Amino acid sequence: WAIPTRPNRAYNVIFAALICVVYAGVDELLQIPVGRTADWNDFYADVLGVIMGLSIYVLGRQIVYLSGWSPFKDSASEASP
């Protein structure tokens, strides 16, 4: 829920994806100095995970808001007389 999706929904989600893909690449490169191998297949799996995770996030957020439920409502304001 931390990714702000209004008013520039597509921009923010793409920006989050870019950060995650760069992180995946850096993670693969940082394995080399510790004696592990950097593998393209691992990088591709990371990118696939980013795509799947952000897709689930966008769809899930849309479903939640279309249902009318808001997880961010202040419960104290609802209980006030």
Protein backbone atom coordinates (compact mmCIF):
# COMPACT_ATOMS: atom_id res chain seq x y z
CA TRP A 1 0.00 0.00 0.00
CA ALA A 2 3.02 2.29 0.28
CA ILE A 3 3.25 3.03 -3.44
CA PRO A 4 1.17 6.16 -4.03
CA THR A 5 -1.07 5.47 -7.01
CA ARG A 6 -2.84 8.77 -7.45
CA PRO A 7 -2.69 10.97 -9.50
CA ASN A 8 0.21 9.44 -11.51
CA ARG A 9 -0.63 5.77 -11.05
CA ALA A 10 1.29 4.39 -14.03
CA TYR A 11 4.34 6.54 -13.35
CA ASN A 12 4.58 5.45 -9.71
CA VAL A 13 4.17 1.74 -10.45
CA ILE A 14 6.72 1.90 -13.27
CA PHE A 15 9.11 3.80 -10.98
CA ALA A 16 8.72 1.08 -8.32
CA ALA A 17 9.36 -1.60 -10.96
CA LEU A 18 12.49 0.21 -12.16
CA ILE A 19 13.85 0.41 -8.62
CA CYS A 20 13.21 -3.31 -8.08
CA VAL A 21 14.83 -4.32 -11.39
CA VAL A 22 17.92 -2.20 -10.66
CA TYR A 23 18.11 -3.76 -7.20
CA ALA A 24 17.91 -7.26 -8.74
CA GLY A 25 20.77 -6.43 -11.12
CA VAL A 26 22.94 -5.00 -8.36
CA ASP A 27 22.19 -8.03 -6.21
CA GLU A 28 23.41 -10.35 -8.96
CA LEU A 29 26.59 -8.32 -9.48
CA LEU A 30 27.37 -8.23 -5.76
CA GLN A 31 27.44 -12.02 -5.66
CA ILE A 32 30.67 -12.08 -7.69
CA PRO A 33 33.00 -10.67 -4.98
CA VAL A 34 31.86 -13.27 -2.44
CA GLY A 35 32.63 -16.23 -4.67
CA ARG A 36 29.18 -16.85 -6.08
CA THR A 37 28.22 -16.57 -9.72
CA ALA A 38 25.97 -13.96 -11.25
CA ASP A 39 23.41 -15.70 -13.44
CA TRP A 40 21.13 -14.18 -16.05
CA ASN A 41 18.46 -16.76 -15.27
CA ASP A 42 18.37 -15.57 -11.64
CA PHE A 43 18.03 -12.00 -12.85
CA TYR A 44 15.18 -12.95 -15.19
CA ALA A 45 13.45 -14.77 -12.31
CA ASP A 46 13.79 -11.64 -10.18
CA VAL A 47 12.28 -9.50 -12.94
CA LEU A 48 9.42 -11.97 -13.33
CA GLY A 49 8.83 -11.75 -9.59
CA VAL A 50 8.73 -7.94 -9.82
CA ILE A 51 6.19 -8.09 -12.64
CA MET A 52 4.02 -10.61 -10.82
CA GLY A 53 4.22 -8.79 -7.49
CA LEU A 54 3.35 -5.38 -8.91
CA SER A 55 0.55 -6.88 -11.02
CA ILE A 56 -0.98 -8.49 -7.94
CA TYR A 57 -0.54 -5.20 -6.07
CA VAL A 58 -2.30 -3.14 -8.77
CA LEU A 59 -5.14 -5.64 -9.22
CA GLY A 60 -5.56 -6.17 -5.49
CA ARG A 61 -5.63 -2.47 -4.76
CA GLN A 62 -8.23 -1.93 -7.48
CA ILE A 63 -10.42 -4.74 -6.11
CA VAL A 64 -10.20 -3.38 -2.57
CA TYR A 65 -11.15 0.14 -3.57
CA LEU A 66 -13.92 -0.95 -5.92
CA SER A 67 -15.43 -3.01 -3.11
CA GLY A 68 -15.75 0.18 -1.06
CA TRP A 69 -13.55 -1.04 1.77
CA SER A 70 -10.79 1.33 2.80
CA PRO A 71 -8.05 -0.13 4.98
CA PHE A 72 -6.94 3.39 5.88
CA LYS A 73 -10.12 4.66 7.51
CA ASP A 74 -9.62 6.14 10.93
CA SER A 75 -11.58 3.84 13.24
CA ALA A 76 -11.62 6.54 15.96
CA SER A 77 -13.61 8.89 13.70
CA GLU A 78 -16.21 6.20 13.06
CA ALA A 79 -16.70 5.60 16.79
CA SER A 80 -17.25 9.28 17.60
CA PRO A 81 -20.86 10.26 18.39
